[in-house]
C-alpha atoms as a PDB file:
ATOM      1  CA  MET A   1     136.165 255.871 246.480  1.00  0.00           C
ATOM      2  CA  THR A   2     137.023 259.222 248.839  1.00  0.00           C
ATOM      3  CA  ASP A   3     135.906 257.143 251.892  1.00  0.00           C
ATOM      4  CA  THR A   4     139.416 255.606 251.703  1.00  0.00           C
ATOM      5  CA  ILE A   5     142.266 256.839 252.993  1.00  0.00           C
ATOM      6  CA  ALA A   6     145.646 255.680 253.157  1.00  0.00           C
ATOM      7  CA  ARG A   7     149.012 255.972 255.518  1.00  0.00           C
ATOM      8  CA  ARG A   8     152.404 254.301 255.540  1.00  0.00           C
ATOM      9  CA  VAL A   9     153.208 253.553 259.175  1.00  0.00           C
ATOM     10  CA  VAL A  10     156.766 252.965 260.401  1.00  0.00           C
ATOM     11  CA  VAL A  11     157.405 251.428 263.901  1.00  0.00           C
ATOM     12  CA  GLY A  12     160.764 251.284 265.835  1.00  0.00           C
ATOM     13  CA  GLY A  13     161.618 249.652 268.935  1.00  0.00           C
ATOM     14  CA  SER A  14     162.000 246.127 269.466  1.00  0.00           C
ATOM     15  CA  VAL A  15     159.366 244.871 267.041  1.00  0.00           C
ATOM     16  CA  GLN A  16     160.786 241.897 265.058  1.00  0.00           C
ATOM     17  CA  GLY A  17     160.742 238.602 266.638  1.00  0.00           C
ATOM     18  CA  VAL A  18     157.457 239.435 268.806  1.00  0.00           C
ATOM     19  CA  PHE A  19     155.153 238.478 266.177  1.00  0.00           C
ATOM     20  CA  PHE A  20     154.498 242.129 265.360  1.00  0.00           C
ATOM     21  CA  ARG A  21     153.738 241.415 261.639  1.00  0.00           C
ATOM     22  CA  ASP A  22     151.162 238.514 262.158  1.00  0.00           C
ATOM     23  CA  SER A  23     149.385 240.270 264.922  1.00  0.00           C
ATOM     24  CA  THR A  24     149.286 243.490 262.592  1.00  0.00           C
ATOM     25  CA  ARG A  25     147.544 241.262 259.717  1.00  0.00           C
ATOM     26  CA  GLY A  26     145.340 239.857 262.643  1.00  0.00           C
ATOM     27  CA  GLU A  27     144.134 243.388 263.563  1.00  0.00           C
ATOM     28  CA  ALA A  28     144.115 244.458 260.302  1.00  0.00           C
ATOM     29  CA  LEU A  29     141.810 241.845 259.477  1.00  0.00           C
ATOM     30  CA  ARG A  30     139.318 242.461 261.944  1.00  0.00           C
ATOM     31  CA  LEU A  31     139.110 246.065 261.208  1.00  0.00           C
ATOM     32  CA  GLY A  32     138.568 245.553 257.801  1.00  0.00           C
ATOM     33  CA  VAL A  33     142.367 247.242 256.823  1.00  0.00           C
ATOM     34  CA  ALA A  34     143.984 246.279 253.806  1.00  0.00           C
ATOM     35  CA  GLY A  35     147.480 246.628 252.792  1.00  0.00           C
ATOM     36  CA  TRP A  36     150.887 245.017 253.801  1.00  0.00           C
ATOM     37  CA  VAL A  37     153.620 244.788 256.901  1.00  0.00           C
ATOM     38  CA  ARG A  38     157.269 243.972 256.323  1.00  0.00           C
ATOM     39  CA  ASN A  39     160.716 243.744 258.085  1.00  0.00           C
ATOM     40  CA  CYS A  40     163.262 246.684 257.067  1.00  0.00           C
ATOM     41  CA  ALA A  41     166.941 246.043 257.491  1.00  0.00           C
ATOM     42  CA  ASP A  42     167.028 248.600 260.213  1.00  0.00           C
ATOM     43  CA  GLY A  43     165.378 246.525 262.609  1.00  0.00           C
ATOM     44  CA  THR A  44     161.826 249.152 262.084  1.00  0.00           C
ATOM     45  CA  VAL A  45     158.522 247.445 260.648  1.00  0.00           C
ATOM     46  CA  GLU A  46     156.548 249.227 257.896  1.00  0.00           C
ATOM     47  CA  ALA A  47     153.250 249.006 257.111  1.00  0.00           C
ATOM     48  CA  HIS A  48     150.559 250.777 254.353  1.00  0.00           C
ATOM     49  CA  PHE A  49     147.210 250.348 256.127  1.00  0.00           C
ATOM     50  CA  GLU A  50     144.013 251.550 253.890  1.00  0.00           C
ATOM     51  CA  GLY A  51     140.344 251.587 254.288  1.00  0.00           C
ATOM     52  CA  ALA A  52     138.135 253.304 256.374  1.00  0.00           C
ATOM     53  CA  PRO A  53     139.130 256.718 258.232  1.00  0.00           C
ATOM     54  CA  ASP A  54     138.123 255.304 261.532  1.00  0.00           C
ATOM     55  CA  ALA A  55     139.271 251.962 260.815  1.00  0.00           C
ATOM     56  CA  VAL A  56     142.631 253.085 259.519  1.00  0.00           C
ATOM     57  CA  ASP A  57     143.434 255.121 262.393  1.00  0.00           C
ATOM     58  CA  ALA A  58     142.513 252.119 264.709  1.00  0.00           C
ATOM     59  CA  LEU A  59     144.972 250.309 263.238  1.00  0.00           C
ATOM     60  CA  VAL A  60     147.776 253.261 263.485  1.00  0.00           C
ATOM     61  CA  GLN A  61     147.069 253.378 267.495  1.00  0.00           C
ATOM     62  CA  TRP A  62     147.017 249.692 267.735  1.00  0.00           C
ATOM     63  CA  CYS A  63     150.539 249.797 266.225  1.00  0.00           C
ATOM     64  CA  ARG A  64     151.324 252.270 269.075  1.00  0.00           C
ATOM     65  CA  GLU A  65     151.550 249.294 271.535  1.00  0.00           C
ATOM     66  CA  GLY A  66     151.350 245.943 269.389  1.00  0.00           C
ATOM     67  CA  PRO A  67     151.657 243.035 270.224  1.00  0.00           C
ATOM     68  CA  ARG A  68     152.036 241.642 274.070  1.00  0.00           C
ATOM     69  CA  HIS A  69     156.034 240.968 273.973  1.00  0.00           C
ATOM     70  CA  ALA A  70     157.217 244.038 271.355  1.00  0.00           C
ATOM     71  CA  GLU A  71     158.617 247.591 273.187  1.00  0.00           C
ATOM     72  CA  VAL A  72     157.425 250.275 270.547  1.00  0.00           C
ATOM     73  CA  ARG A  73     159.694 253.279 271.186  1.00  0.00           C
ATOM     74  CA  ASP A  74     158.403 255.306 267.880  1.00  0.00           C
ATOM     75  CA  VAL A  75     155.479 255.175 265.267  1.00  0.00           C
ATOM     76  CA  ARG A  76     156.495 257.436 262.022  1.00  0.00           C
ATOM     77  CA  VAL A  77     153.302 257.966 260.196  1.00  0.00           C
ATOM     78  CA  SER A  78     152.596 259.711 257.047  1.00  0.00           C
ATOM     79  CA  GLU A  79     149.886 259.700 254.353  1.00  0.00           C
ATOM     80  CA  ALA A  80     150.078 257.120 251.576  1.00  0.00           C
ATOM     81  CA  ASP A  81     148.626 257.075 248.021  1.00  0.00           C
ATOM     82  CA  VAL A  82     145.279 254.663 247.726  1.00  0.00           C
ATOM     83  CA  GLU A  83     146.118 251.700 245.945  1.00  0.00           C
ATOM     84  CA  GLY A  84     142.536 249.888 245.790  1.00  0.00           C
ATOM     85  CA  MET A  85     144.435 247.234 247.757  1.00  0.00           C
ATOM     86  CA  ASN A  86     142.569 243.905 248.880  1.00  0.00           C
ATOM     87  CA  GLY A  87     143.245 241.591 251.949  1.00  0.00           C
ATOM     88  CA  PHE A  88     146.359 242.164 253.898  1.00  0.00           C
ATOM     89  CA  THR A  89     149.551 240.654 253.278  1.00  0.00           C
ATOM     90  CA  VAL A  90     152.913 240.146 255.748  1.00  0.00           C
ATOM     91  CA  ARG A  91     155.660 240.362 253.179  1.00  0.00           C
END
């Protein structure tokens, strides 16, 4: 699957308790991106996205704004290994 890419994304700011994870899941499903999203102990939200490059890039871009009540201050993106995931889960 050479047309599949994966990215690890860590979002900082006021991003917990504002439906960031569930909103990310909804956006991922809309875009056809597989992976997961979870809250971290340090207050960030971490995610793994994989799918078509355009869809993954669109989801990463969406994370720079997030849902309506989020205040995103920092988004760190790095390449990740494609794991062949199906669906998108909130962890």
